[in-house]
Every structure is written in C-alpha cells, then in structure tokens.
Amino acid sequence: MRKFLKVFFSLAVTIYFSTTMFYCFVAGAPQNGKGAVIYVVSAAGLSILFPAFTCGCIHYIIYLRKKLDKQGK
C-alpha cells in the first residue's frame, strides 16, 4: 500500500506540473497557422518531459541512497 501511495503521489505531482506548464506555455501561443500547431505540440512535449524527468531523477537519487545505506551496513 505504501509503494502504491508513493507512485500515486509522484504521478499526481507530475501530472499537476505538466498541466500547469502546458497552460502557461499555450497562453501566449499564436492563434492560427502551422506555427500554432508546432507550438502547441512542442509545449505539450516539454510540459510532459520536464516534470517526468525531474520526478525520475528524484526517485533515482532515493534508490541510490537506499542502496548506499544497504552497502554501509
């Protein structure tokens, strides 16, 4: 249950920051044309990539810390 809550919380935080970043990126998007589509697709990619990468790094650091603690004992 604890692992589920940890994964759920991480996923919820990632989705929250992704949607917030996407909204901020698209707020100033061009209105018409091919540039608007490219802009929105790029904003979607970045808004998913950045929070997911950050969350992944945090989990990897926690994993390495646990691994080091195990080796030290």
N, C-alpha and C. Protein backbone atom coordinates (compact mmCIF):
# COMPACT_ATOMS: atom_id res chain seq x y z
N MET A 1 0.83 -1.20 0.00
CA MET A 1 0.00 0.00 0.00
C MET A 1 0.87 1.26 0.00
N ARG A 2 1.97 1.22 0.75
CA ARG A 2 2.84 2.39 0.84
C ARG A 2 3.49 2.70 -0.52
N LYS A 3 3.90 1.63 -1.22
CA LYS A 3 4.51 1.83 -2.54
C LYS A 3 3.48 2.41 -3.52
N PHE A 4 2.24 1.93 -3.43
CA PHE A 4 1.18 2.45 -4.29
C PHE A 4 0.96 3.94 -4.05
N LEU A 5 0.91 4.34 -2.78
CA LEU A 5 0.73 5.75 -2.46
C LEU A 5 1.90 6.60 -2.95
N LYS A 6 3.09 6.05 -2.85
CA LYS A 6 4.28 6.77 -3.32
C LYS A 6 4.22 6.98 -4.83
N VAL A 7 3.86 5.93 -5.56
CA VAL A 7 3.75 6.04 -7.02
C VAL A 7 2.59 6.97 -7.39
N PHE A 8 1.48 6.84 -6.70
CA PHE A 8 0.32 7.68 -6.98
C PHE A 8 0.63 9.15 -6.74
N PHE A 9 1.30 9.45 -5.63
CA PHE A 9 1.66 10.84 -5.31
C PHE A 9 2.62 11.40 -6.36
N SER A 10 3.61 10.61 -6.75
CA SER A 10 4.57 11.06 -7.76
C SER A 10 3.87 11.32 -9.09
N LEU A 11 2.97 10.43 -9.45
CA LEU A 11 2.22 10.60 -10.70
C LEU A 11 1.32 11.83 -10.63
N ALA A 12 0.67 12.03 -9.50
CA ALA A 12 -0.21 13.19 -9.35
C ALA A 12 0.58 14.50 -9.43
N VAL A 13 1.74 14.54 -8.80
CA VAL A 13 2.57 15.75 -8.85
C VAL A 13 3.06 16.00 -10.27
N THR A 14 3.48 14.94 -10.95
CA THR A 14 3.95 15.08 -12.33
C THR A 14 2.84 15.58 -13.24
N ILE A 15 1.66 15.02 -13.10
CA ILE A 15 0.53 15.45 -13.94
C ILE A 15 0.15 16.90 -13.62
N TYR A 16 0.15 17.26 -12.35
CA TYR A 16 -0.18 18.64 -11.97
C TYR A 16 0.79 19.63 -12.60
N PHE A 17 2.09 19.38 -12.45
CA PHE A 17 3.07 20.30 -13.01
C PHE A 17 3.05 20.29 -14.54
N SER A 18 2.76 19.14 -15.13
CA SER A 18 2.66 19.07 -16.59
C SER A 18 1.51 19.92 -17.10
N THR A 19 0.35 19.81 -16.46
CA THR A 19 -0.79 20.60 -16.93
C THR A 19 -0.57 22.09 -16.67
N THR A 20 0.05 22.42 -15.55
CA THR A 20 0.33 23.82 -15.26
C THR A 20 1.30 24.41 -16.27
N MET A 21 2.36 23.68 -16.57
CA MET A 21 3.34 24.17 -17.55
C MET A 21 2.69 24.29 -18.93
N PHE A 22 1.87 23.29 -19.31
CA PHE A 22 1.22 23.34 -20.62
C PHE A 22 0.33 24.56 -20.73
N TYR A 23 -0.44 24.84 -19.69
CA TYR A 23 -1.32 26.01 -19.70
C TYR A 23 -0.50 27.30 -19.85
N CYS A 24 0.60 27.38 -19.11
CA CYS A 24 1.43 28.59 -19.19
C CYS A 24 2.08 28.74 -20.56
N PHE A 25 2.52 27.63 -21.13
CA PHE A 25 3.14 27.70 -22.46
C PHE A 25 2.13 28.09 -23.53
N VAL A 26 0.93 27.55 -23.46
CA VAL A 26 -0.05 27.77 -24.52
C VAL A 26 -0.76 29.11 -24.37
N ALA A 27 -0.69 29.73 -23.22
CA ALA A 27 -1.38 31.00 -23.01
C ALA A 27 -0.91 32.07 -23.99
N GLY A 28 0.34 32.01 -24.42
CA GLY A 28 0.84 33.00 -25.36
C GLY A 28 1.05 32.45 -26.76
N ALA A 29 0.39 31.36 -27.08
CA ALA A 29 0.58 30.69 -28.37
C ALA A 29 -0.03 31.50 -29.51
N PRO A 30 0.55 31.38 -30.71
CA PRO A 30 -0.06 32.00 -31.88
C PRO A 30 -1.46 31.41 -32.12
N GLN A 31 -2.34 32.20 -32.70
CA GLN A 31 -3.72 31.77 -32.85
C GLN A 31 -3.97 30.89 -34.08
N ASN A 32 -3.32 31.17 -35.19
CA ASN A 32 -3.63 30.46 -36.44
C ASN A 32 -2.36 29.96 -37.11
N GLY A 33 -2.57 29.04 -38.05
CA GLY A 33 -1.48 28.62 -38.91
C GLY A 33 -0.70 27.42 -38.41
N LYS A 34 0.28 27.06 -39.23
CA LYS A 34 1.12 25.90 -38.94
C LYS A 34 1.96 26.14 -37.69
N GLY A 35 2.36 27.37 -37.47
CA GLY A 35 3.16 27.70 -36.30
C GLY A 35 2.44 27.41 -35.00
N ALA A 36 1.13 27.58 -35.00
CA ALA A 36 0.35 27.32 -33.78
C ALA A 36 0.37 25.84 -33.43
N VAL A 37 0.25 24.99 -34.44
CA VAL A 37 0.26 23.54 -34.20
C VAL A 37 1.62 23.10 -33.68
N ILE A 38 2.68 23.57 -34.32
CA ILE A 38 4.04 23.22 -33.89
C ILE A 38 4.28 23.73 -32.47
N TYR A 39 3.82 24.91 -32.19
CA TYR A 39 4.00 25.50 -30.85
C TYR A 39 3.29 24.67 -29.79
N VAL A 40 2.06 24.28 -30.05
CA VAL A 40 1.28 23.52 -29.07
C VAL A 40 1.88 22.13 -28.86
N VAL A 41 2.32 21.48 -29.94
CA VAL A 41 2.93 20.15 -29.82
C VAL A 41 4.25 20.24 -29.05
N SER A 42 5.04 21.25 -29.33
CA SER A 42 6.30 21.44 -28.60
C SER A 42 6.03 21.72 -27.12
N ALA A 43 5.04 22.54 -26.85
CA ALA A 43 4.68 22.85 -25.46
C ALA A 43 4.21 21.60 -24.73
N ALA A 44 3.45 20.76 -25.41
CA ALA A 44 2.98 19.51 -24.78
C ALA A 44 4.16 18.60 -24.47
N GLY A 45 5.09 18.47 -25.41
CA GLY A 45 6.26 17.63 -25.18
C GLY A 45 7.11 18.11 -24.02
N LEU A 46 7.37 19.40 -23.99
CA LEU A 46 8.18 19.96 -22.90
C LEU A 46 7.47 19.88 -21.56
N SER A 47 6.18 20.13 -21.56
CA SER A 47 5.45 20.13 -20.29
C SER A 47 5.32 18.73 -19.71
N ILE A 48 5.45 17.70 -20.52
CA ILE A 48 5.46 16.33 -20.01
C ILE A 48 6.87 15.90 -19.66
N LEU A 49 7.84 16.29 -20.49
CA LEU A 49 9.22 15.84 -20.33
C LEU A 49 9.88 16.38 -19.06
N PHE A 50 9.77 17.67 -18.81
CA PHE A 50 10.47 18.28 -17.67
C PHE A 50 10.03 17.72 -16.32
N PRO A 51 8.73 17.72 -15.99
CA PRO A 51 8.34 17.17 -14.68
C PRO A 51 8.62 15.67 -14.56
N ALA A 52 8.43 14.92 -15.65
CA ALA A 52 8.70 13.48 -15.59
C ALA A 52 10.18 13.22 -15.36
N PHE A 53 11.05 13.97 -16.02
CA PHE A 53 12.49 13.82 -15.84
C PHE A 53 12.89 14.16 -14.40
N THR A 54 12.35 15.24 -13.88
CA THR A 54 12.65 15.64 -12.51
C THR A 54 12.19 14.59 -11.50
N CYS A 55 10.99 14.09 -11.69
CA CYS A 55 10.46 13.05 -10.80
C CYS A 55 11.31 11.78 -10.89
N GLY A 56 11.71 11.42 -12.10
CA GLY A 56 12.57 10.26 -12.29
C GLY A 56 13.91 10.42 -11.60
N CYS A 57 14.48 11.60 -11.69
CA CYS A 57 15.77 11.87 -11.03
C CYS A 57 15.64 11.77 -9.51
N ILE A 58 14.57 12.30 -8.97
CA ILE A 58 14.36 12.23 -7.53
C ILE A 58 14.24 10.78 -7.07
N HIS A 59 13.47 9.98 -7.81
CA HIS A 59 13.33 8.58 -7.44
C HIS A 59 14.65 7.82 -7.58
N TYR A 60 15.44 8.16 -8.58
CA TYR A 60 16.73 7.51 -8.76
C TYR A 60 17.69 7.87 -7.62
N ILE A 61 17.67 9.11 -7.19
CA ILE A 61 18.52 9.52 -6.07
C ILE A 61 18.10 8.79 -4.79
N ILE A 62 16.81 8.67 -4.56
CA ILE A 62 16.33 7.93 -3.39
C ILE A 62 16.76 6.47 -3.47
N TYR A 63 16.65 5.88 -4.65
CA TYR A 63 17.08 4.49 -4.85
C TYR A 63 18.57 4.33 -4.56
N LEU A 64 19.39 5.24 -5.06
CA LEU A 64 20.83 5.15 -4.82
C LEU A 64 21.16 5.34 -3.35
N ARG A 65 20.45 6.23 -2.68
CA ARG A 65 20.69 6.44 -1.25
C ARG A 65 20.38 5.18 -0.46
N LYS A 66 19.27 4.51 -0.79
CA LYS A 66 18.93 3.26 -0.11
C LYS A 66 19.98 2.19 -0.39
N LYS A 67 20.47 2.15 -1.62
CA LYS A 67 21.49 1.17 -1.99
C LYS A 67 22.79 1.43 -1.23
N LEU A 68 23.17 2.69 -1.09
CA LEU A 68 24.37 3.02 -0.32
C LEU A 68 24.21 2.69 1.16
N ASP A 69 23.03 2.94 1.70
CA ASP A 69 22.77 2.61 3.10
C ASP A 69 22.87 1.10 3.34
N LYS A 70 22.38 0.32 2.38
CA LYS A 70 22.46 -1.14 2.49
C LYS A 70 23.91 -1.61 2.46
N GLN A 71 24.72 -1.02 1.60
CA GLN A 71 26.13 -1.42 1.50
C GLN A 71 26.92 -1.00 2.73
N GLY A 72 26.53 0.09 3.35
CA GLY A 72 27.23 0.57 4.53
C GLY A 72 26.98 -0.27 5.77
N LYS A 73 25.87 -0.99 5.80
CA LYS A 73 25.53 -1.79 6.99
C LYS A 73 26.17 -3.11 6.97
